[in-house]
Full PDB file with SEQRES, HELIX, SHEET, SSBOND, CRYST1, ORIGX, SCALE, CONECT and MASTER records, all heavy atoms in Angstrom:
SEQRES   1 A   34  LYS ALA THR ALA ALA GLU LYS GLN ILE LEU LYS LEU GLN          
SEQRES   2 A   34  GLY LEU PRO SER ASP GLY LEU LYS HIS GLY ALA GLY CYS          
SEQRES   3 A   34  ASP ALA CYS ARG GLY THR GLY TYR                              
HELIX    1 AA1 ALA A    4  LEU A   12  1                                   9    
CRYST1    1.000    1.000    1.000  90.00  90.00  90.00 P 1           1          
ORIGX1      1.000000  0.000000  0.000000        0.00000                         
ORIGX2      0.000000  1.000000  0.000000        0.00000                         
ORIGX3      0.000000  0.000000  1.000000        0.00000                         
SCALE1      1.000000  0.000000  0.000000        0.00000                         
SCALE2      0.000000  1.000000  0.000000        0.00000                         
SCALE3      0.000000  0.000000  1.000000        0.00000                         
ATOM      1  N   LYS A   1      -6.378  -2.449   1.674  1.00  0.00           N  
ATOM      2  CA  LYS A   1      -5.668  -3.355   0.778  1.00  0.00           C  
ATOM      3  C   LYS A   1      -5.694  -4.763   1.355  1.00  0.00           C  
ATOM      4  O   LYS A   1      -5.374  -4.979   2.520  1.00  0.00           O  
ATOM      5  CB  LYS A   1      -4.227  -2.883   0.593  1.00  0.00           C  
ATOM      6  CG  LYS A   1      -3.465  -3.650  -0.478  1.00  0.00           C  
ATOM      7  CD  LYS A   1      -2.080  -3.052  -0.699  1.00  0.00           C  
ATOM      8  CE  LYS A   1      -1.335  -3.813  -1.788  1.00  0.00           C  
ATOM      9  NZ  LYS A   1       0.024  -3.227  -2.032  1.00  0.00           N  
ATOM     10  N   ALA A   2      -6.092  -5.710   0.534  1.00  0.00           N  
ATOM     11  CA  ALA A   2      -6.211  -7.097   0.981  1.00  0.00           C  
ATOM     12  C   ALA A   2      -4.859  -7.660   1.393  1.00  0.00           C  
ATOM     13  O   ALA A   2      -3.821  -7.356   0.788  1.00  0.00           O  
ATOM     14  CB  ALA A   2      -6.810  -7.945  -0.125  1.00  0.00           C  
ATOM     15  N   THR A   3      -4.874  -8.497   2.428  1.00  0.00           N  
ATOM     16  CA  THR A   3      -3.658  -9.205   2.830  1.00  0.00           C  
ATOM     17  C   THR A   3      -3.401 -10.338   1.839  1.00  0.00           C  
ATOM     18  O   THR A   3      -4.265 -10.704   1.026  1.00  0.00           O  
ATOM     19  CB  THR A   3      -3.811  -9.785   4.246  1.00  0.00           C  
ATOM     20  OG1 THR A   3      -4.838 -10.800   4.212  1.00  0.00           O  
ATOM     21  CG2 THR A   3      -4.195  -8.703   5.243  1.00  0.00           C  
ATOM     22  N   ALA A   4      -2.213 -10.925   1.924  1.00  0.00           N  
ATOM     23  CA  ALA A   4      -1.881 -12.035   1.034  1.00  0.00           C  
ATOM     24  C   ALA A   4      -2.839 -13.203   1.238  1.00  0.00           C  
ATOM     25  O   ALA A   4      -3.265 -13.850   0.272  1.00  0.00           O  
ATOM     26  CB  ALA A   4      -0.435 -12.473   1.287  1.00  0.00           C  
ATOM     27  N   ALA A   5      -3.182 -13.459   2.506  1.00  0.00           N  
ATOM     28  CA  ALA A   5      -4.094 -14.571   2.802  1.00  0.00           C  
ATOM     29  C   ALA A   5      -5.487 -14.299   2.227  1.00  0.00           C  
ATOM     30  O   ALA A   5      -6.124 -15.202   1.672  1.00  0.00           O  
ATOM     31  CB  ALA A   5      -4.182 -14.786   4.311  1.00  0.00           C  
ATOM     32  N   GLU A   6      -5.954 -13.057   2.341  1.00  0.00           N  
ATOM     33  CA  GLU A   6      -7.272 -12.708   1.806  1.00  0.00           C  
ATOM     34  C   GLU A   6      -7.293 -12.794   0.286  1.00  0.00           C  
ATOM     35  O   GLU A   6      -8.270 -13.264  -0.308  1.00  0.00           O  
ATOM     36  CB  GLU A   6      -7.663 -11.305   2.280  1.00  0.00           C  
ATOM     37  CG  GLU A   6      -7.996 -11.238   3.763  1.00  0.00           C  
ATOM     38  CD  GLU A   6      -8.220  -9.824   4.250  1.00  0.00           C  
ATOM     39  OE1 GLU A   6      -7.655  -8.875   3.642  1.00  0.00           O  
ATOM     40  OE2 GLU A   6      -8.945  -9.650   5.253  1.00  0.00           O  
ATOM     41  N   LYS A   7      -6.221 -12.354  -0.342  1.00  0.00           N  
ATOM     42  CA  LYS A   7      -6.129 -12.464  -1.806  1.00  0.00           C  
ATOM     43  C   LYS A   7      -6.210 -13.919  -2.241  1.00  0.00           C  
ATOM     44  O   LYS A   7      -6.882 -14.244  -3.233  1.00  0.00           O  
ATOM     45  CB  LYS A   7      -4.825 -11.841  -2.304  1.00  0.00           C  
ATOM     46  CG  LYS A   7      -4.794 -10.331  -2.248  1.00  0.00           C  
ATOM     47  CD  LYS A   7      -3.451  -9.803  -2.768  1.00  0.00           C  
ATOM     48  CE  LYS A   7      -3.406  -8.282  -2.720  1.00  0.00           C  
ATOM     49  NZ  LYS A   7      -2.094  -7.762  -3.191  1.00  0.00           N  
ATOM     50  N   GLN A   8      -5.539 -14.790  -1.497  1.00  0.00           N  
ATOM     51  CA  GLN A   8      -5.537 -16.210  -1.840  1.00  0.00           C  
ATOM     52  C   GLN A   8      -6.933 -16.816  -1.676  1.00  0.00           C  
ATOM     53  O   GLN A   8      -7.378 -17.597  -2.526  1.00  0.00           O  
ATOM     54  CB  GLN A   8      -4.526 -16.959  -0.972  1.00  0.00           C  
ATOM     55  CG  GLN A   8      -4.402 -18.439  -1.273  1.00  0.00           C  
ATOM     56  CD  GLN A   8      -3.882 -18.724  -2.676  1.00  0.00           C  
ATOM     57  OE1 GLN A   8      -3.291 -17.845  -3.320  1.00  0.00           O  
ATOM     58  NE2 GLN A   8      -4.097 -19.934  -3.171  1.00  0.00           N  
ATOM     59  N   ILE A   9      -7.616 -16.461  -0.592  1.00  0.00           N  
ATOM     60  CA  ILE A   9      -8.976 -16.970  -0.348  1.00  0.00           C  
ATOM     61  C   ILE A   9      -9.901 -16.587  -1.496  1.00  0.00           C  
ATOM     62  O   ILE A   9     -10.657 -17.420  -2.012  1.00  0.00           O  
ATOM     63  CB  ILE A   9      -9.519 -16.435   0.988  1.00  0.00           C  
ATOM     64  CG1 ILE A   9      -8.788 -17.089   2.161  1.00  0.00           C  
ATOM     65  CG2 ILE A   9     -11.024 -16.676   1.112  1.00  0.00           C  
ATOM     66  CD1 ILE A   9      -9.082 -16.435   3.504  1.00  0.00           C  
ATOM     67  N   LEU A  10      -9.837 -15.329  -1.909  1.00  0.00           N  
ATOM     68  CA  LEU A  10     -10.716 -14.857  -2.983  1.00  0.00           C  
ATOM     69  C   LEU A  10     -10.289 -15.412  -4.346  1.00  0.00           C  
ATOM     70  O   LEU A  10     -11.140 -15.728  -5.185  1.00  0.00           O  
ATOM     71  CB  LEU A  10     -10.730 -13.328  -3.015  1.00  0.00           C  
ATOM     72  CG  LEU A  10     -11.381 -12.667  -1.789  1.00  0.00           C  
ATOM     73  CD1 LEU A  10     -11.188 -11.156  -1.824  1.00  0.00           C  
ATOM     74  CD2 LEU A  10     -12.867 -12.995  -1.732  1.00  0.00           C  
ATOM     75  N   LYS A  11      -8.991 -15.544  -4.547  1.00  0.00           N  
ATOM     76  CA  LYS A  11      -8.487 -16.081  -5.826  1.00  0.00           C  
ATOM     77  C   LYS A  11      -8.981 -17.509  -6.056  1.00  0.00           C  
ATOM     78  O   LYS A  11      -9.333 -17.884  -7.181  1.00  0.00           O  
ATOM     79  CB  LYS A  11      -6.963 -16.030  -5.842  1.00  0.00           C  
ATOM     80  CG  LYS A  11      -6.355 -16.488  -7.167  1.00  0.00           C  
ATOM     81  CD  LYS A  11      -4.836 -16.391  -7.132  1.00  0.00           C  
ATOM     82  CE  LYS A  11      -4.228 -16.870  -8.444  1.00  0.00           C  
ATOM     83  NZ  LYS A  11      -2.730 -16.801  -8.420  1.00  0.00           N  
ATOM     84  N   LEU A  12      -9.017 -18.302  -4.986  1.00  0.00           N  
ATOM     85  CA  LEU A  12      -9.486 -19.688  -5.100  1.00  0.00           C  
ATOM     86  C   LEU A  12     -10.940 -19.753  -5.551  1.00  0.00           C  
ATOM     87  O   LEU A  12     -11.379 -20.747  -6.134  1.00  0.00           O  
ATOM     88  CB  LEU A  12      -9.325 -20.409  -3.759  1.00  0.00           C  
ATOM     89  CG  LEU A  12      -7.889 -20.734  -3.333  1.00  0.00           C  
ATOM     90  CD1 LEU A  12      -7.857 -21.282  -1.906  1.00  0.00           C  
ATOM     91  CD2 LEU A  12      -7.261 -21.742  -4.300  1.00  0.00           C  
ATOM     92  N   GLN A  13     -11.696 -18.688  -5.279  1.00  0.00           N  
ATOM     93  CA  GLN A  13     -13.105 -18.629  -5.686  1.00  0.00           C  
ATOM     94  C   GLN A  13     -13.292 -17.851  -6.991  1.00  0.00           C  
ATOM     95  O   GLN A  13     -14.427 -17.655  -7.436  1.00  0.00           O  
ATOM     96  CB  GLN A  13     -13.939 -17.964  -4.584  1.00  0.00           C  
ATOM     97  CG  GLN A  13     -13.931 -18.699  -3.264  1.00  0.00           C  
ATOM     98  CD  GLN A  13     -14.684 -20.010  -3.323  1.00  0.00           C  
ATOM     99  OE1 GLN A  13     -15.540 -20.226  -4.188  1.00  0.00           O  
ATOM    100  NE2 GLN A  13     -14.373 -20.923  -2.407  1.00  0.00           N  
ATOM    101  N   GLY A  14     -12.186 -17.383  -7.580  1.00  0.00           N  
ATOM    102  CA  GLY A  14     -12.271 -16.604  -8.811  1.00  0.00           C  
ATOM    103  C   GLY A  14     -12.844 -15.217  -8.595  1.00  0.00           C  
ATOM    104  O   GLY A  14     -13.476 -14.641  -9.494  1.00  0.00           O  
ATOM    105  N   LEU A  15     -12.599 -14.640  -7.403  1.00  0.00           N  
ATOM    106  CA  LEU A  15     -13.170 -13.338  -7.056  1.00  0.00           C  
ATOM    107  C   LEU A  15     -12.076 -12.288  -6.933  1.00  0.00           C  
ATOM    108  O   LEU A  15     -10.953 -12.586  -6.511  1.00  0.00           O  
ATOM    109  CB  LEU A  15     -13.933 -13.435  -5.726  1.00  0.00           C  
ATOM    110  CG  LEU A  15     -15.202 -14.287  -5.739  1.00  0.00           C  
ATOM    111  CD1 LEU A  15     -15.668 -14.583  -4.326  1.00  0.00           C  
ATOM    112  CD2 LEU A  15     -16.307 -13.587  -6.534  1.00  0.00           C  
ATOM    113  N   PRO A  16     -12.375 -11.024  -7.270  1.00  0.00           N  
ATOM    114  CA  PRO A  16     -11.378  -9.958  -7.146  1.00  0.00           C  
ATOM    115  C   PRO A  16     -11.168  -9.560  -5.689  1.00  0.00           C  
ATOM    116  O   PRO A  16     -12.011  -9.813  -4.827  1.00  0.00           O  
ATOM    117  CB  PRO A  16     -12.008  -8.805  -7.937  1.00  0.00           C  
ATOM    118  CG  PRO A  16     -13.484  -9.036  -7.829  1.00  0.00           C  
ATOM    119  CD  PRO A  16     -13.654 -10.541  -7.828  1.00  0.00           C  
ATOM    120  N   SER A  17     -10.042  -8.900  -5.421  1.00  0.00           N  
ATOM    121  CA  SER A  17      -9.719  -8.510  -4.042  1.00  0.00           C  
ATOM    122  C   SER A  17      -9.465  -7.016  -3.907  1.00  0.00           C  
ATOM    123  O   SER A  17      -8.873  -6.566  -2.923  1.00  0.00           O  
ATOM    124  CB  SER A  17      -8.506  -9.290  -3.542  1.00  0.00           C  
ATOM    125  OG  SER A  17      -7.385  -9.057  -4.392  1.00  0.00           O  
ATOM    126  N   ASP A  18      -9.910  -6.236  -4.895  1.00  0.00           N  
ATOM    127  CA  ASP A  18      -9.592  -4.807  -4.873  1.00  0.00           C  
ATOM    128  C   ASP A  18     -10.744  -3.930  -4.360  1.00  0.00           C  
ATOM    129  O   ASP A  18     -10.672  -2.711  -4.421  1.00  0.00           O  
ATOM    130  CB  ASP A  18      -9.178  -4.324  -6.267  1.00  0.00           C  
ATOM    131  CG  ASP A  18     -10.214  -4.654  -7.335  1.00  0.00           C  
ATOM    132  OD1 ASP A  18     -11.233  -5.289  -6.996  1.00  0.00           O  
ATOM    133  OD2 ASP A  18     -10.011  -4.272  -8.502  1.00  0.00           O  
ATOM    134  N   GLY A  19     -11.820  -4.539  -3.836  1.00  0.00           N  
ATOM    135  CA  GLY A  19     -12.935  -3.731  -3.349  1.00  0.00           C  
ATOM    136  C   GLY A  19     -13.279  -3.995  -1.895  1.00  0.00           C  
ATOM    137  O   GLY A  19     -14.418  -3.749  -1.463  1.00  0.00           O  
ATOM    138  N   LEU A  20     -12.323  -4.480  -1.125  1.00  0.00           N  
ATOM    139  CA  LEU A  20     -12.607  -4.868   0.260  1.00  0.00           C  
ATOM    140  C   LEU A  20     -12.813  -3.647   1.158  1.00  0.00           C  
ATOM    141  O   LEU A  20     -12.161  -2.618   1.004  1.00  0.00           O  
ATOM    142  CB  LEU A  20     -11.481  -5.726   0.813  1.00  0.00           C  
ATOM    143  CG  LEU A  20     -11.148  -7.017   0.055  1.00  0.00           C  
ATOM    144  CD1 LEU A  20     -10.111  -7.820   0.822  1.00  0.00           C  
ATOM    145  CD2 LEU A  20     -12.393  -7.840  -0.182  1.00  0.00           C  
ATOM    146  N   LYS A  21     -13.733  -3.805   2.109  1.00  0.00           N  
ATOM    147  CA  LYS A  21     -13.989  -2.733   3.076  1.00  0.00           C  
ATOM    148  C   LYS A  21     -14.134  -3.328   4.475  1.00  0.00           C  
ATOM    149  O   LYS A  21     -14.488  -4.490   4.639  1.00  0.00           O  
ATOM    150  CB  LYS A  21     -15.284  -1.984   2.730  1.00  0.00           C  
ATOM    151  CG  LYS A  21     -15.236  -1.175   1.453  1.00  0.00           C  
ATOM    152  CD  LYS A  21     -16.553  -0.446   1.229  1.00  0.00           C  
ATOM    153  CE  LYS A  21     -16.529   0.354  -0.060  1.00  0.00           C  
ATOM    154  NZ  LYS A  21     -17.835   1.054  -0.298  1.00  0.00           N  
ATOM    155  N   HIS A  22     -13.856  -2.504   5.470  1.00  0.00           N  
ATOM    156  CA  HIS A  22     -14.197  -2.857   6.843  1.00  0.00           C  
ATOM    157  C   HIS A  22     -14.662  -1.596   7.559  1.00  0.00           C  
ATOM    158  O   HIS A  22     -14.429  -0.481   7.092  1.00  0.00           O  
ATOM    159  CB  HIS A  22     -13.036  -3.528   7.577  1.00  0.00           C  
ATOM    160  CG  HIS A  22     -11.794  -2.686   7.682  1.00  0.00           C  
ATOM    161  ND1 HIS A  22     -10.555  -3.218   7.906  1.00  0.00           N  
ATOM    162  CD2 HIS A  22     -11.593  -1.342   7.576  1.00  0.00           C  
ATOM    163  CE1 HIS A  22      -9.657  -2.261   7.944  1.00  0.00           C  
ATOM    164  NE2 HIS A  22     -10.271  -1.113   7.752  1.00  0.00           N  
ATOM    165  N   GLY A  23     -15.344  -1.787   8.684  1.00  0.00           N  
ATOM    166  CA  GLY A  23     -15.835  -0.650   9.439  1.00  0.00           C  
ATOM    167  C   GLY A  23     -14.852  -0.269  10.528  1.00  0.00           C  
ATOM    168  O   GLY A  23     -14.373  -1.130  11.271  1.00  0.00           O  
ATOM    169  N   ALA A  24     -14.556   1.014  10.627  1.00  0.00           N  
ATOM    170  CA  ALA A  24     -13.614   1.479  11.643  1.00  0.00           C  
ATOM    171  C   ALA A  24     -14.237   1.481  13.030  1.00  0.00           C  
ATOM    172  O   ALA A  24     -13.520   1.449  14.036  1.00  0.00           O  
ATOM    173  CB  ALA A  24     -13.132   2.887  11.290  1.00  0.00           C  
ATOM    174  N   GLY A  25     -15.573   1.490  13.090  1.00  0.00           N  
ATOM    175  CA  GLY A  25     -16.271   1.558  14.373  1.00  0.00           C  
ATOM    176  C   GLY A  25     -16.733   2.978  14.647  1.00  0.00           C  
ATOM    177  O   GLY A  25     -15.927   3.922  14.573  1.00  0.00           O  
ATOM    178  N   CYS A  26     -18.014   3.142  14.927  1.00  0.00           N  
ATOM    179  CA  CYS A  26     -18.564   4.471  15.189  1.00  0.00           C  
ATOM    180  C   CYS A  26     -19.789   4.329  16.095  1.00  0.00           C  
ATOM    181  O   CYS A  26     -20.170   3.221  16.481  1.00  0.00           O  
ATOM    182  CB  CYS A  26     -18.937   5.168  13.877  1.00  0.00           C  
ATOM    183  SG  CYS A  26     -20.266   4.343  12.942  1.00  0.00           S  
ATOM    184  N   ASP A  27     -20.422   5.454  16.405  1.00  0.00           N  
ATOM    185  CA  ASP A  27     -21.606   5.420  17.266  1.00  0.00           C  
ATOM    186  C   ASP A  27     -22.757   4.656  16.620  1.00  0.00           C  
ATOM    187  O   ASP A  27     -23.525   3.982  17.307  1.00  0.00           O  
ATOM    188  CB  ASP A  27     -22.050   6.848  17.603  1.00  0.00           C  
ATOM    189  CG  ASP A  27     -21.079   7.560  18.538  1.00  0.00           C  
ATOM    190  OD1 ASP A  27     -20.276   6.858  19.189  1.00  0.00           O  
ATOM    191  OD2 ASP A  27     -21.114   8.803  18.597  1.00  0.00           O  
ATOM    192  N   ALA A  28     -22.875   4.783  15.304  1.00  0.00           N  
ATOM    193  CA  ALA A  28     -23.997   4.139  14.606  1.00  0.00           C  
ATOM    194  C   ALA A  28     -23.962   2.625  14.745  1.00  0.00           C  
ATOM    195  O   ALA A  28     -25.003   1.969  14.816  1.00  0.00           O  
ATOM    196  CB  ALA A  28     -23.998   4.535  13.126  1.00  0.00           C  
ATOM    197  N   CYS A  29     -22.752   2.060  14.787  1.00  0.00           N  
ATOM    198  CA  CYS A  29     -22.618   0.598  14.886  1.00  0.00           C  
ATOM    199  C   CYS A  29     -22.131   0.153  16.252  1.00  0.00           C  
ATOM    200  O   CYS A  29     -21.728  -0.993  16.429  1.00  0.00           O  
ATOM    201  CB  CYS A  29     -21.686   0.075  13.795  1.00  0.00           C  
ATOM    202  SG  CYS A  29     -19.991   0.708  13.869  1.00  0.00           S  
ATOM    203  N   ARG A  30     -22.138   1.057  17.219  1.00  0.00           N  
ATOM    204  CA  ARG A  30     -21.666   0.789  18.578  1.00  0.00           C  
ATOM    205  C   ARG A  30     -20.228   0.266  18.596  1.00  0.00           C  
ATOM    206  O   ARG A  30     -19.864  -0.600  19.394  1.00  0.00           O  
ATOM    207  CB  ARG A  30     -22.583  -0.197  19.301  1.00  0.00           C  
ATOM    208  CG  ARG A  30     -24.017   0.275  19.441  1.00  0.00           C  
ATOM    209  CD  ARG A  30     -24.781  -0.617  20.407  1.00  0.00           C  
ATOM    210  NE  ARG A  30     -26.190  -0.314  20.432  1.00  0.00           N  
ATOM    211  CZ  ARG A  30     -26.737   0.728  21.070  1.00  0.00           C  
ATOM    212  NH1 ARG A  30     -25.957   1.567  21.715  1.00  0.00           N  
ATOM    213  NH2 ARG A  30     -28.026   0.936  21.035  1.00  0.00           N  
ATOM    214  N   GLY A  31     -19.435   0.762  17.652  1.00  0.00           N  
ATOM    215  CA  GLY A  31     -18.029   0.407  17.629  1.00  0.00           C  
ATOM    216  C   GLY A  31     -17.712  -0.952  17.037  1.00  0.00           C  
ATOM    217  O   GLY A  31     -16.549  -1.369  17.029  1.00  0.00           O  
ATOM    218  N   THR A  32     -18.722  -1.661  16.504  1.00  0.00           N  
ATOM    219  CA  THR A  32     -18.484  -3.016  15.991  1.00  0.00           C  
ATOM    220  C   THR A  32     -17.964  -3.030  14.562  1.00  0.00           C  
ATOM    221  O   THR A  32     -17.359  -4.009  14.128  1.00  0.00           O  
ATOM    222  CB  THR A  32     -19.781  -3.843  16.031  1.00  0.00           C  
ATOM    223  OG1 THR A  32     -20.751  -3.263  15.147  1.00  0.00           O  
ATOM    224  CG2 THR A  32     -20.350  -3.894  17.438  1.00  0.00           C  
ATOM    225  N   GLY A  33     -18.228  -1.959  13.799  1.00  0.00           N  
ATOM    226  CA  GLY A  33     -17.865  -1.948  12.387  1.00  0.00           C  
ATOM    227  C   GLY A  33     -18.915  -2.575  11.499  1.00  0.00           C  
ATOM    228  O   GLY A  33     -18.763  -2.603  10.268  1.00  0.00           O  
ATOM    229  N   TYR A  34     -19.992  -3.093  12.108  1.00  0.00           N  
ATOM    230  CA  TYR A  34     -21.080  -3.715  11.349  1.00  0.00           C  
ATOM    231  C   TYR A  34     -22.417  -3.083  11.742  1.00  0.00           C  
ATOM    232  O   TYR A  34     -22.633  -2.728  12.908  1.00  0.00           O  
ATOM    233  CB  TYR A  34     -21.163  -5.217  11.643  1.00  0.00           C  
ATOM    234  CG  TYR A  34     -19.942  -6.013  11.260  1.00  0.00           C  
ATOM    235  CD1 TYR A  34     -18.965  -6.324  12.213  1.00  0.00           C  
ATOM    236  CD2 TYR A  34     -19.759  -6.472   9.962  1.00  0.00           C  
ATOM    237  CE1 TYR A  34     -17.851  -7.071  11.883  1.00  0.00           C  
ATOM    238  CE2 TYR A  34     -18.642  -7.224   9.617  1.00  0.00           C  
ATOM    239  CZ  TYR A  34     -17.692  -7.517  10.580  1.00  0.00           C  
ATOM    240  OH  TYR A  34     -16.587  -8.262  10.250  1.00  0.00           O  
TER     241      TYR A  34                                                      
MASTER        0    0    0    1    0    0    0    6  240    1    0    3          
END                                                                             
């Protein structure tokens, strides 16, 4: 769920905030989430 600050950043660009993702970190990404 987007934070208030993230919602504001996306709202200023006219973009939705209900599809945000992040990586928890795993072996495939060496723990970076990317």
